[in-house]
Amino acid sequence: MPSSSPTWSGGRNGSSESLRSQSVSRRNRRGKSTAAFFRKGRKRDPVEPEVDPRIAERARKVRDKEERKAFKRAILLLLVMTLVGIVVWLAYSPYLAVRHLVITGVVSSSVPRQLQTAAVTEGVPMISIEEELLRERLLEDPWVVNVEVEKRWPHTIRVIVEERSPVAWVRTGGGWQALSSDGVALDIDPEMAMPLVTGLGGTVLDLPHPSLEPSLRFLEHLRADLHLGTVVEIHGAQVTANVARRVVRLGRAGDIEEKAQVLGVLIDDYTDPGTVINLFSAQRPAVYRGIDPVPTGVSPSS
């Protein structure tokens, strides 16, 4: 009798299929989890919100307005630069150049030569001439006491010169020098006849005597016909003059211009040589006879 034994039909195969299906199921689950993980980590593309049409229209108008402003500024800047270029060209063009150079008051100074050295000539642009700088340069000439430089547009430069004049030969520590009324040394012909000023001893012009300039102003205001032969002597603070063979005691240097005017009136009434005219005070002059002074020379060479 055949032995009966249990039949495992498909037993091992069935078990294998069950295991495979479970494994596949687990792999699927792991795949889904991994995909879900990567989906969470990945950034989503932003979604632009919908803009209100009214806001968009207003923004467009603002942009258009700013663009128009920028365009206008660019046009304005271009016009300004063009205008500046035209003005600069015109200022340096022959249309605004010097055509007339008028110089007045020049006798002994070197003003014309100084103007030529400074390139102030016909044909130069008017705008290139600086009046104040030119004036300072011309004042460096010892003959020039004052000068005015005027621009008369569009083509004229006028230079008005006031020159110094020598009033006396002054004997100082440096020898005889021709001085103006304000004490400036001038270069003149040594044979030129002028009043003399003595008594300064070793004084030099860099450290002038306090009575020197008043004495020079006295000679400047003295009548021109009395200059020849006049000698002024400085004795410390006192000043004495020999004018037309009259002795004039001027005293101190105060009111020196007024004293010169008073002397011009008195001297014609007292013609005797040696007459002493006391002008210590211009308001109370005194006149008395003295000794006829010895005539003196009228120039350093005499």
C-alpha atoms as a PDB file:
ATOM      1  CA  MET A   1       0.000   0.000   0.000  1.00  0.00           C
ATOM      2  CA  PRO A   2       1.551   3.108  -1.080  1.00  0.00           C
ATOM      3  CA  SER A   3       2.459   5.397   1.714  1.00  0.00           C
ATOM      4  CA  SER A   4       0.681   8.611   1.779  1.00  0.00           C
ATOM      5  CA  SER A   5       2.780  11.688   2.243  1.00  0.00           C
ATOM      6  CA  PRO A   6       1.755  15.281   2.378  1.00  0.00           C
ATOM      7  CA  THR A   7       1.794  17.062  -0.881  1.00  0.00           C
ATOM      8  CA  TRP A   8       3.647  20.439  -0.888  1.00  0.00           C
ATOM      9  CA  SER A   9       2.372  21.427  -4.248  1.00  0.00           C
ATOM     10  CA  GLY A  10       3.819  24.758  -4.941  1.00  0.00           C
ATOM     11  CA  GLY A  11       4.809  24.996  -1.327  1.00  0.00           C
ATOM     12  CA  ARG A  12       8.350  26.209  -1.905  1.00  0.00           C
ATOM     13  CA  ASN A  13       7.400  28.126  -5.010  1.00  0.00           C
ATOM     14  CA  GLY A  14       4.493  29.770  -3.298  1.00  0.00           C
ATOM     15  CA  SER A  15       6.649  30.824  -0.432  1.00  0.00           C
ATOM     16  CA  SER A  16       9.190  32.348  -2.816  1.00  0.00           C
ATOM     17  CA  GLU A  17       6.566  34.312  -4.678  1.00  0.00           C
ATOM     18  CA  SER A  18       5.182  35.624  -1.418  1.00  0.00           C
ATOM     19  CA  LEU A  19       8.617  36.814  -0.345  1.00  0.00           C
ATOM     20  CA  ARG A  20       9.254  38.470  -3.699  1.00  0.00           C
ATOM     21  CA  SER A  21       5.966  40.332  -3.576  1.00  0.00           C
ATOM     22  CA  GLN A  22       6.709  41.567  -0.092  1.00  0.00           C
ATOM     23  CA  SER A  23      10.174  42.711  -1.173  1.00  0.00           C
ATOM     24  CA  VAL A  24       8.754  44.566  -4.177  1.00  0.00           C
ATOM     25  CA  SER A  25       6.180  46.178  -1.962  1.00  0.00           C
ATOM     26  CA  ARG A  26       8.865  47.345   0.438  1.00  0.00           C
ATOM     27  CA  ARG A  27      10.993  48.719  -2.437  1.00  0.00           C
ATOM     28  CA  ASN A  28       8.027  50.611  -3.834  1.00  0.00           C
ATOM     29  CA  ARG A  29       7.334  52.124  -0.462  1.00  0.00           C
ATOM     30  CA  ARG A  30      10.973  53.167  -0.090  1.00  0.00           C
ATOM     31  CA  GLY A  31      10.964  54.693  -3.592  1.00  0.00           C
ATOM     32  CA  LYS A  32       7.867  56.677  -2.856  1.00  0.00           C
ATOM     33  CA  SER A  33       9.372  57.928   0.409  1.00  0.00           C
ATOM     34  CA  THR A  34      12.585  58.961  -1.377  1.00  0.00           C
ATOM     35  CA  ALA A  35      10.656  60.765  -4.123  1.00  0.00           C
ATOM     36  CA  ALA A  36       8.559  62.494  -1.525  1.00  0.00           C
ATOM     37  CA  PHE A  37      11.754  63.517   0.340  1.00  0.00           C
ATOM     38  CA  PHE A  38      13.307  65.027  -2.765  1.00  0.00           C
ATOM     39  CA  ARG A  39      10.065  66.753  -3.651  1.00  0.00           C
ATOM     40  CA  LYS A  40      10.038  68.421  -0.244  1.00  0.00           C
ATOM     41  CA  GLY A  41      13.655  69.604  -0.580  1.00  0.00           C
ATOM     42  CA  ARG A  42      13.183  71.078  -4.064  1.00  0.00           C
ATOM     43  CA  LYS A  43      12.094  74.748  -4.214  1.00  0.00           C
ATOM     44  CA  ARG A  44       9.010  75.423  -6.165  1.00  0.00           C
ATOM     45  CA  ASP A  45       9.008  78.097  -8.814  1.00  0.00           C
ATOM     46  CA  PRO A  46       7.527  81.342  -7.407  1.00  0.00           C
ATOM     47  CA  VAL A  47       4.223  82.264  -8.779  1.00  0.00           C
ATOM     48  CA  GLU A  48       3.940  85.966  -9.650  1.00  0.00           C
ATOM     49  CA  PRO A  49       0.951  87.490  -8.025  1.00  0.00           C
ATOM     50  CA  GLU A  50      -1.540  89.096 -10.276  1.00  0.00           C
ATOM     51  CA  VAL A  51      -1.067  92.933 -10.360  1.00  0.00           C
ATOM     52  CA  ASP A  52      -3.980  95.282 -10.264  1.00  0.00           C
ATOM     53  CA  PRO A  53      -4.228  96.930 -13.717  1.00  0.00           C
ATOM     54  CA  ARG A  54      -4.678 100.345 -12.116  1.00  0.00           C
ATOM     55  CA  ILE A  55      -1.406 100.020 -10.179  1.00  0.00           C
ATOM     56  CA  ALA A  56       0.399  98.847 -13.300  1.00  0.00           C
ATOM     57  CA  GLU A  57      -0.916 101.818 -15.263  1.00  0.00           C
ATOM     58  CA  ARG A  58       0.169 104.237 -12.555  1.00  0.00           C
ATOM     59  CA  ALA A  59       3.693 102.718 -12.464  1.00  0.00           C
ATOM     60  CA  ARG A  60       3.941 103.051 -16.237  1.00  0.00           C
ATOM     61  CA  LYS A  61       2.975 106.738 -16.036  1.00  0.00           C
ATOM     62  CA  VAL A  62       5.608 107.362 -13.338  1.00  0.00           C
ATOM     63  CA  ARG A  63       8.282 105.699 -15.495  1.00  0.00           C
ATOM     64  CA  ASP A  64       7.277 107.773 -18.498  1.00  0.00           C
ATOM     65  CA  LYS A  65       7.396 110.966 -16.422  1.00  0.00           C
ATOM     66  CA  GLU A  66      10.902 110.215 -15.119  1.00  0.00           C
ATOM     67  CA  GLU A  67      12.120 109.429 -18.634  1.00  0.00           C
ATOM     68  CA  ARG A  68      10.759 112.754 -19.896  1.00  0.00           C
ATOM     69  CA  LYS A  69      12.507 114.600 -17.042  1.00  0.00           C
ATOM     70  CA  ALA A  70      15.814 112.890 -17.814  1.00  0.00           C
ATOM     71  CA  PHE A  71      15.472 113.778 -21.498  1.00  0.00           C
ATOM     72  CA  LYS A  72      14.746 117.422 -20.674  1.00  0.00           C
ATOM     73  CA  ARG A  73      17.771 117.596 -18.357  1.00  0.00           C
ATOM     74  CA  ALA A  74      19.995 116.175 -21.066  1.00  0.00           C
ATOM     75  CA  ILE A  75      18.711 118.721 -23.604  1.00  0.00           C
ATOM     76  CA  LEU A  76      19.179 121.572 -21.107  1.00  0.00           C
ATOM     77  CA  LEU A  77      22.737 120.475 -20.307  1.00  0.00           C
ATOM     78  CA  LEU A  78      23.547 120.280 -23.993  1.00  0.00           C
ATOM     79  CA  LEU A  79      22.174 123.796 -24.561  1.00  0.00           C
ATOM     80  CA  VAL A  80      24.169 125.199 -21.621  1.00  0.00           C
ATOM     81  CA  MET A  81      27.397 123.589 -22.822  1.00  0.00           C
ATOM     82  CA  THR A  82      26.779 124.914 -26.321  1.00  0.00           C
ATOM     83  CA  LEU A  83      26.125 128.420 -24.980  1.00  0.00           C
ATOM     84  CA  VAL A  84      29.276 128.334 -22.831  1.00  0.00           C
ATOM     85  CA  GLY A  85      31.309 127.205 -25.811  1.00  0.00           C
ATOM     86  CA  ILE A  86      29.958 130.057 -27.922  1.00  0.00           C
ATOM     87  CA  VAL A  87      30.699 132.615 -25.181  1.00  0.00           C
ATOM     88  CA  VAL A  88      34.267 131.351 -24.692  1.00  0.00           C
ATOM     89  CA  TRP A  89      34.907 131.355 -28.429  1.00  0.00           C
ATOM     90  CA  LEU A  90      33.521 134.869 -28.742  1.00  0.00           C
ATOM     91  CA  ALA A  91      35.556 136.146 -25.766  1.00  0.00           C
ATOM     92  CA  TYR A  92      38.823 134.964 -27.318  1.00  0.00           C
ATOM     93  CA  SER A  93      37.919 135.804 -30.887  1.00  0.00           C
ATOM     94  CA  PRO A  94      39.033 138.878 -32.872  1.00  0.00           C
ATOM     95  CA  TYR A  95      35.561 140.320 -32.361  1.00  0.00           C
ATOM     96  CA  LEU A  96      36.473 141.157 -28.727  1.00  0.00           C
ATOM     97  CA  ALA A  97      40.188 141.900 -29.115  1.00  0.00           C
ATOM     98  CA  VAL A  98      42.073 145.085 -28.242  1.00  0.00           C
ATOM     99  CA  ARG A  99      42.046 147.562 -31.096  1.00  0.00           C
ATOM    100  CA  HIS A 100      42.827 150.782 -29.230  1.00  0.00           C
ATOM    101  CA  LEU A 101      45.457 151.163 -26.480  1.00  0.00           C
ATOM    102  CA  VAL A 102      45.276 154.668 -25.009  1.00  0.00           C
ATOM    103  CA  ILE A 103      48.066 155.769 -22.632  1.00  0.00           C
ATOM    104  CA  THR A 104      48.037 159.187 -20.944  1.00  0.00           C
ATOM    105  CA  GLY A 105      50.322 160.883 -18.417  1.00  0.00           C
ATOM    106  CA  VAL A 106      53.603 159.262 -19.444  1.00  0.00           C
ATOM    107  CA  VAL A 107      56.694 161.500 -19.410  1.00  0.00           C
ATOM    108  CA  SER A 108      59.582 159.644 -17.798  1.00  0.00           C
ATOM    109  CA  SER A 109      58.215 156.226 -16.825  1.00  0.00           C
ATOM    110  CA  SER A 110      58.595 152.975 -18.733  1.00  0.00           C
ATOM    111  CA  VAL A 111      54.869 152.231 -18.868  1.00  0.00           C
ATOM    112  CA  PRO A 112      54.717 151.640 -22.665  1.00  0.00           C
ATOM    113  CA  ARG A 113      57.575 149.157 -22.463  1.00  0.00           C
ATOM    114  CA  GLN A 114      55.995 147.440 -19.464  1.00  0.00           C
ATOM    115  CA  LEU A 115      52.713 147.086 -21.351  1.00  0.00           C
ATOM    116  CA  GLN A 116      54.481 145.510 -24.286  1.00  0.00           C
ATOM    117  CA  THR A 117      56.304 143.098 -21.959  1.00  0.00           C
ATOM    118  CA  ALA A 118      52.972 142.167 -20.358  1.00  0.00           C
ATOM    119  CA  ALA A 119      51.534 141.419 -23.847  1.00  0.00           C
ATOM    120  CA  VAL A 120      49.020 144.254 -23.605  1.00  0.00           C
ATOM    121  CA  THR A 121      49.016 145.153 -27.263  1.00  0.00           C
ATOM    122  CA  GLU A 122      46.552 145.462 -30.086  1.00  0.00           C
ATOM    123  CA  GLY A 123      45.054 142.140 -31.092  1.00  0.00           C
ATOM    124  CA  VAL A 124      45.090 140.370 -27.718  1.00  0.00           C
ATOM    125  CA  PRO A 125      41.715 139.285 -26.271  1.00  0.00           C
ATOM    126  CA  MET A 126      40.181 141.851 -23.941  1.00  0.00           C
ATOM    127  CA  ILE A 127      39.249 139.134 -21.463  1.00  0.00           C
ATOM    128  CA  SER A 128      42.893 138.079 -21.026  1.00  0.00           C
ATOM    129  CA  ILE A 129      43.839 141.451 -19.499  1.00  0.00           C
ATOM    130  CA  GLU A 130      43.476 141.588 -15.705  1.00  0.00           C
ATOM    131  CA  GLU A 131      43.336 145.220 -14.650  1.00  0.00           C
ATOM    132  CA  GLU A 132      44.496 144.794 -11.038  1.00  0.00           C
ATOM    133  CA  LEU A 133      47.473 142.584 -11.878  1.00  0.00           C
ATOM    134  CA  LEU A 134      48.513 144.960 -14.644  1.00  0.00           C
ATOM    135  CA  ARG A 135      48.183 147.925 -12.284  1.00  0.00           C
ATOM    136  CA  GLU A 136      50.414 146.266  -9.669  1.00  0.00           C
ATOM    137  CA  ARG A 137      53.023 145.575 -12.328  1.00  0.00           C
ATOM    138  CA  LEU A 138      53.069 149.167 -13.560  1.00  0.00           C
ATOM    139  CA  LEU A 139      53.376 150.495  -9.999  1.00  0.00           C
ATOM    140  CA  GLU A 140      56.739 148.729  -9.705  1.00  0.00           C
ATOM    141  CA  ASP A 141      58.204 151.541 -11.801  1.00  0.00           C
ATOM    142  CA  PRO A 142      59.565 154.139  -9.322  1.00  0.00           C
ATOM    143  CA  TRP A 143      58.334 156.946 -11.571  1.00  0.00           C
ATOM    144  CA  VAL A 144      54.725 155.782 -11.275  1.00  0.00           C
ATOM    145  CA  VAL A 145      52.897 156.996  -8.174  1.00  0.00           C
ATOM    146  CA  ASN A 146      49.442 155.959  -9.360  1.00  0.00           C
ATOM    147  CA  VAL A 147      47.909 154.295 -12.390  1.00  0.00           C
ATOM    148  CA  GLU A 148      44.432 153.358 -13.531  1.00  0.00           C
ATOM    149  CA  VAL A 149      43.692 150.616 -16.045  1.00  0.00           C
ATOM    150  CA  GLU A 150      40.272 150.727 -17.652  1.00  0.00           C
ATOM    151  CA  LYS A 151      38.582 148.299 -20.009  1.00  0.00           C
ATOM    152  CA  ARG A 152      36.151 149.925 -22.372  1.00  0.00           C
ATOM    153  CA  TRP A 153      34.370 147.159 -24.193  1.00  0.00           C
ATOM    154  CA  PRO A 154      34.510 145.964 -26.789  1.00  0.00           C
ATOM    155  CA  HIS A 155      37.932 147.127 -28.059  1.00  0.00           C
ATOM    156  CA  THR A 156      39.647 149.797 -25.892  1.00  0.00           C
ATOM    157  CA  ILE A 157      42.168 149.660 -23.038  1.00  0.00           C
ATOM    158  CA  ARG A 158      42.906 152.967 -21.360  1.00  0.00           C
ATOM    159  CA  VAL A 159      45.916 153.456 -19.055  1.00  0.00           C
ATOM    160  CA  ILE A 160      46.019 156.693 -17.030  1.00  0.00           C
ATOM    161  CA  VAL A 161      49.420 157.289 -15.413  1.00  0.00           C
ATOM    162  CA  GLU A 162      50.333 159.706 -12.641  1.00  0.00           C
ATOM    163  CA  GLU A 163      54.083 160.110 -12.421  1.00  0.00           C
ATOM    164  CA  ARG A 164      56.354 161.305  -9.656  1.00  0.00           C
ATOM    165  CA  SER A 165      58.476 164.384 -10.170  1.00  0.00           C
ATOM    166  CA  PRO A 166      61.885 164.990  -8.622  1.00  0.00           C
ATOM    167  CA  VAL A 167      61.785 167.940  -6.226  1.00  0.00           C
ATOM    168  CA  ALA A 168      65.307 168.093  -4.790  1.00  0.00           C
ATOM    169  CA  TRP A 169      68.827 166.773  -4.709  1.00  0.00           C
ATOM    170  CA  VAL A 170      69.235 165.191  -1.296  1.00  0.00           C
ATOM    171  CA  ARG A 171      72.610 164.462   0.244  1.00  0.00           C
ATOM    172  CA  THR A 172      72.401 161.193   2.180  1.00  0.00           C
ATOM    173  CA  GLY A 173      74.801 158.515   3.333  1.00  0.00           C
ATOM    174  CA  GLY A 174      74.712 157.138  -0.217  1.00  0.00           C
ATOM    175  CA  GLY A 175      75.629 160.462  -1.857  1.00  0.00           C
ATOM    176  CA  TRP A 176      73.455 162.884  -3.798  1.00  0.00           C
ATOM    177  CA  GLN A 177      70.138 161.435  -4.922  1.00  0.00           C
ATOM    178  CA  ALA A 178      67.177 162.963  -6.724  1.00  0.00           C
ATOM    179  CA  LEU A 179      64.040 162.393  -4.651  1.00  0.00           C
ATOM    180  CA  SER A 180      60.343 162.887  -5.213  1.00  0.00           C
ATOM    181  CA  SER A 181      58.126 164.499  -2.599  1.00  0.00           C
ATOM    182  CA  ASP A 182      57.374 161.098  -1.055  1.00  0.00           C
ATOM    183  CA  GLY A 183      61.063 160.191  -0.781  1.00  0.00           C
ATOM    184  CA  VAL A 184      61.424 157.861  -3.789  1.00  0.00           C
ATOM    185  CA  ALA A 185      64.765 157.968  -5.602  1.00  0.00           C
ATOM    186  CA  LEU A 186      64.509 158.781  -9.309  1.00  0.00           C
ATOM    187  CA  ASP A 187      67.090 158.460 -12.057  1.00  0.00           C
ATOM    188  CA  ILE A 188      67.577 161.854 -13.731  1.00  0.00           C
ATOM    189  CA  ASP A 189      70.299 163.900 -15.400  1.00  0.00           C
ATOM    190  CA  PRO A 190      72.876 164.824 -12.715  1.00  0.00           C
ATOM    191  CA  GLU A 191      73.173 168.302 -14.278  1.00  0.00           C
ATOM    192  CA  MET A 192      69.508 169.075 -13.665  1.00  0.00           C
ATOM    193  CA  ALA A 193      69.141 172.154 -11.432  1.00  0.00           C
ATOM    194  CA  MET A 194      66.912 171.585  -8.388  1.00  0.00           C
ATOM    195  CA  PRO A 195      66.776 172.695  -4.745  1.00  0.00           C
ATOM    196  CA  LEU A 196      69.226 171.028  -2.376  1.00  0.00           C
ATOM    197  CA  VAL A 197      68.533 169.305   0.927  1.00  0.00           C
ATOM    198  CA  THR A 198      71.437 168.916   3.335  1.00  0.00           C
ATOM    199  CA  GLY A 199      72.075 168.043   6.958  1.00  0.00           C
ATOM    200  CA  LEU A 200      71.172 164.363   6.875  1.00  0.00           C
ATOM    201  CA  GLY A 201      74.737 163.152   7.436  1.00  0.00           C
ATOM    202  CA  GLY A 202      74.887 159.364   7.202  1.00  0.00           C
ATOM    203  CA  THR A 203      71.153 158.843   6.754  1.00  0.00           C
ATOM    204  CA  VAL A 204      70.224 156.339   4.053  1.00  0.00           C
ATOM    205  CA  LEU A 205      66.904 156.162   2.252  1.00  0.00           C
ATOM    206  CA  ASP A 206      66.009 152.811   3.800  1.00  0.00           C
ATOM    207  CA  LEU A 207      65.885 154.583   7.184  1.00  0.00           C
ATOM    208  CA  PRO A 208      64.800 158.126   6.259  1.00  0.00           C
ATOM    209  CA  HIS A 209      65.089 161.046   8.639  1.00  0.00           C
ATOM    210  CA  PRO A 210      61.686 162.084  10.077  1.00  0.00           C
ATOM    211  CA  SER A 211      62.182 165.633   8.773  1.00  0.00           C
ATOM    212  CA  LEU A 212      63.142 164.569   5.238  1.00  0.00           C
ATOM    213  CA  GLU A 213      59.727 163.964   3.731  1.00  0.00           C
ATOM    214  CA  PRO A 214      58.193 167.143   5.229  1.00  0.00           C
ATOM    215  CA  SER A 215      61.119 169.127   3.768  1.00  0.00           C
ATOM    216  CA  LEU A 216      60.467 167.567   0.366  1.00  0.00           C
ATOM    217  CA  ARG A 217      56.765 168.414   0.606  1.00  0.00           C
ATOM    218  CA  PHE A 218      57.719 172.026   1.441  1.00  0.00           C
ATOM    219  CA  LEU A 219      59.707 172.213  -1.784  1.00  0.00           C
ATOM    220  CA  GLU A 220      56.886 170.603  -3.739  1.00  0.00           C
ATOM    221  CA  HIS A 221      54.431 173.316  -2.602  1.00  0.00           C
ATOM    222  CA  LEU A 222      56.917 176.178  -2.919  1.00  0.00           C
ATOM    223  CA  ARG A 223      56.364 178.547  -5.833  1.00  0.00           C
ATOM    224  CA  ALA A 224      58.163 177.247  -8.907  1.00  0.00           C
ATOM    225  CA  ASP A 225      59.966 180.538  -9.518  1.00  0.00           C
ATOM    226  CA  LEU A 226      61.584 180.249  -6.068  1.00  0.00           C
ATOM    227  CA  HIS A 227      63.094 176.791  -6.601  1.00  0.00           C
ATOM    228  CA  LEU A 228      66.346 177.893  -8.222  1.00  0.00           C
ATOM    229  CA  GLY A 229      69.023 178.374  -5.570  1.00  0.00           C
ATOM    230  CA  THR A 230      66.895 177.149  -2.662  1.00  0.00           C
ATOM    231  CA  VAL A 231      68.687 175.097  -0.025  1.00  0.00           C
ATOM    232  CA  VAL A 232      66.919 173.311   2.828  1.00  0.00           C
ATOM    233  CA  GLU A 233      68.971 172.412   5.894  1.00  0.00           C
ATOM    234  CA  ILE A 234      67.783 169.834   8.393  1.00  0.00           C
ATOM    235  CA  HIS A 235      69.018 170.224  11.968  1.00  0.00           C
ATOM    236  CA  GLY A 236      67.485 167.366  13.916  1.00  0.00           C
ATOM    237  CA  ALA A 237      63.791 168.208  14.246  1.00  0.00           C
ATOM    238  CA  GLN A 238      64.300 171.804  13.041  1.00  0.00           C
ATOM    239  CA  VAL A 239      64.256 172.826   9.389  1.00  0.00           C
ATOM    240  CA  THR A 240      65.712 175.994   7.896  1.00  0.00           C
ATOM    241  CA  ALA A 241      65.602 177.093   4.255  1.00  0.00           C
ATOM    242  CA  ASN A 242      67.504 179.628   2.187  1.00  0.00           C
ATOM    243  CA  VAL A 243      64.964 180.845  -0.372  1.00  0.00           C
ATOM    244  CA  ALA A 244      65.854 183.617  -2.830  1.00  0.00           C
ATOM    245  CA  ARG A 245      68.580 184.794  -0.389  1.00  0.00           C
ATOM    246  CA  ARG A 246      66.076 185.011   2.462  1.00  0.00           C
ATOM    247  CA  VAL A 247      66.454 182.882   5.557  1.00  0.00           C
ATOM    248  CA  VAL A 248      63.269 180.981   6.306  1.00  0.00           C
ATOM    249  CA  ARG A 249      62.973 179.302   9.674  1.00  0.00           C
ATOM    250  CA  LEU A 250      60.395 176.591   9.310  1.00  0.00           C
ATOM    251  CA  GLY A 251      60.812 175.065  12.744  1.00  0.00           C
ATOM    252  CA  ARG A 252      59.269 171.626  13.061  1.00  0.00           C
ATOM    253  CA  ALA A 253      57.634 169.845  10.175  1.00  0.00           C
ATOM    254  CA  GLY A 254      54.014 170.553  11.062  1.00  0.00           C
ATOM    255  CA  ASP A 255      51.759 172.419   8.584  1.00  0.00           C
ATOM    256  CA  ILE A 256      54.589 172.387   6.076  1.00  0.00           C
ATOM    257  CA  GLU A 257      52.371 172.880   3.001  1.00  0.00           C
ATOM    258  CA  GLU A 258      50.686 175.909   4.592  1.00  0.00           C
ATOM    259  CA  LYS A 259      54.073 177.387   5.477  1.00  0.00           C
ATOM    260  CA  ALA A 260      55.153 177.129   1.829  1.00  0.00           C
ATOM    261  CA  GLN A 261      52.035 179.012   0.743  1.00  0.00           C
ATOM    262  CA  VAL A 262      52.513 181.754   3.356  1.00  0.00           C
ATOM    263  CA  LEU A 263      56.132 182.166   2.294  1.00  0.00           C
ATOM    264  CA  GLY A 264      55.046 182.612  -1.333  1.00  0.00           C
ATOM    265  CA  VAL A 265      52.989 185.618  -0.242  1.00  0.00           C
ATOM    266  CA  LEU A 266      55.450 187.200   2.213  1.00  0.00           C
ATOM    267  CA  ILE A 267      58.622 186.923   0.166  1.00  0.00           C
ATOM    268  CA  ASP A 268      57.514 189.486  -2.415  1.00  0.00           C
ATOM    269  CA  ASP A 269      56.969 192.094   0.340  1.00  0.00           C
ATOM    270  CA  TYR A 270      60.415 191.588   1.881  1.00  0.00           C
ATOM    271  CA  THR A 271      62.976 191.784  -0.873  1.00  0.00           C
ATOM    272  CA  ASP A 272      66.091 192.679   1.113  1.00  0.00           C
ATOM    273  CA  PRO A 273      68.699 189.927   0.990  1.00  0.00           C
ATOM    274  CA  GLY A 274      69.265 188.448   4.426  1.00  0.00           C
ATOM    275  CA  THR A 275      65.706 189.030   5.569  1.00  0.00           C
ATOM    276  CA  VAL A 276      64.708 186.404   8.118  1.00  0.00           C
ATOM    277  CA  ILE A 277      61.172 185.042   7.869  1.00  0.00           C
ATOM    278  CA  ASN A 278      60.120 183.095  10.910  1.00  0.00           C
ATOM    279  CA  LEU A 279      57.457 180.502  10.069  1.00  0.00           C
ATOM    280  CA  PHE A 280      57.470 178.464  13.240  1.00  0.00           C
ATOM    281  CA  SER A 281      53.723 179.114  13.104  1.00  0.00           C
ATOM    282  CA  ALA A 282      52.098 179.597   9.727  1.00  0.00           C
ATOM    283  CA  GLN A 283      49.317 181.635  11.353  1.00  0.00           C
ATOM    284  CA  ARG A 284      51.760 184.076  13.064  1.00  0.00           C
ATOM    285  CA  PRO A 285      54.796 184.658  10.843  1.00  0.00           C
ATOM    286  CA  ALA A 286      57.502 187.083  11.899  1.00  0.00           C
ATOM    287  CA  VAL A 287      59.900 189.009   9.656  1.00  0.00           C
ATOM    288  CA  TYR A 288      63.128 190.797  10.581  1.00  0.00           C
ATOM    289  CA  ARG A 289      66.399 191.717   8.981  1.00  0.00           C
ATOM    290  CA  GLY A 290      69.371 189.443   9.181  1.00  0.00           C
ATOM    291  CA  ILE A 291      72.657 188.811   7.438  1.00  0.00           C
ATOM    292  CA  ASP A 292      72.756 188.187   3.694  1.00  0.00           C
ATOM    293  CA  PRO A 293      73.410 184.459   3.349  1.00  0.00           C
ATOM    294  CA  VAL A 294      76.147 183.186   1.091  1.00  0.00           C
ATOM    295  CA  PRO A 295      74.660 181.877  -2.176  1.00  0.00           C
ATOM    296  CA  THR A 296      74.824 178.140  -2.611  1.00  0.00           C
ATOM    297  CA  GLY A 297      74.855 175.894  -5.634  1.00  0.00           C
ATOM    298  CA  VAL A 298      71.794 174.547  -7.313  1.00  0.00           C
ATOM    299  CA  SER A 299      72.981 171.087  -8.303  1.00  0.00           C
ATOM    300  CA  PRO A 300      75.368 168.441  -6.951  1.00  0.00           C
ATOM    301  CA  SER A 301      77.882 169.232  -9.689  1.00  0.00           C
ATOM    302  CA  SER A 302      77.952 172.967  -9.040  1.00  0.00           C
END
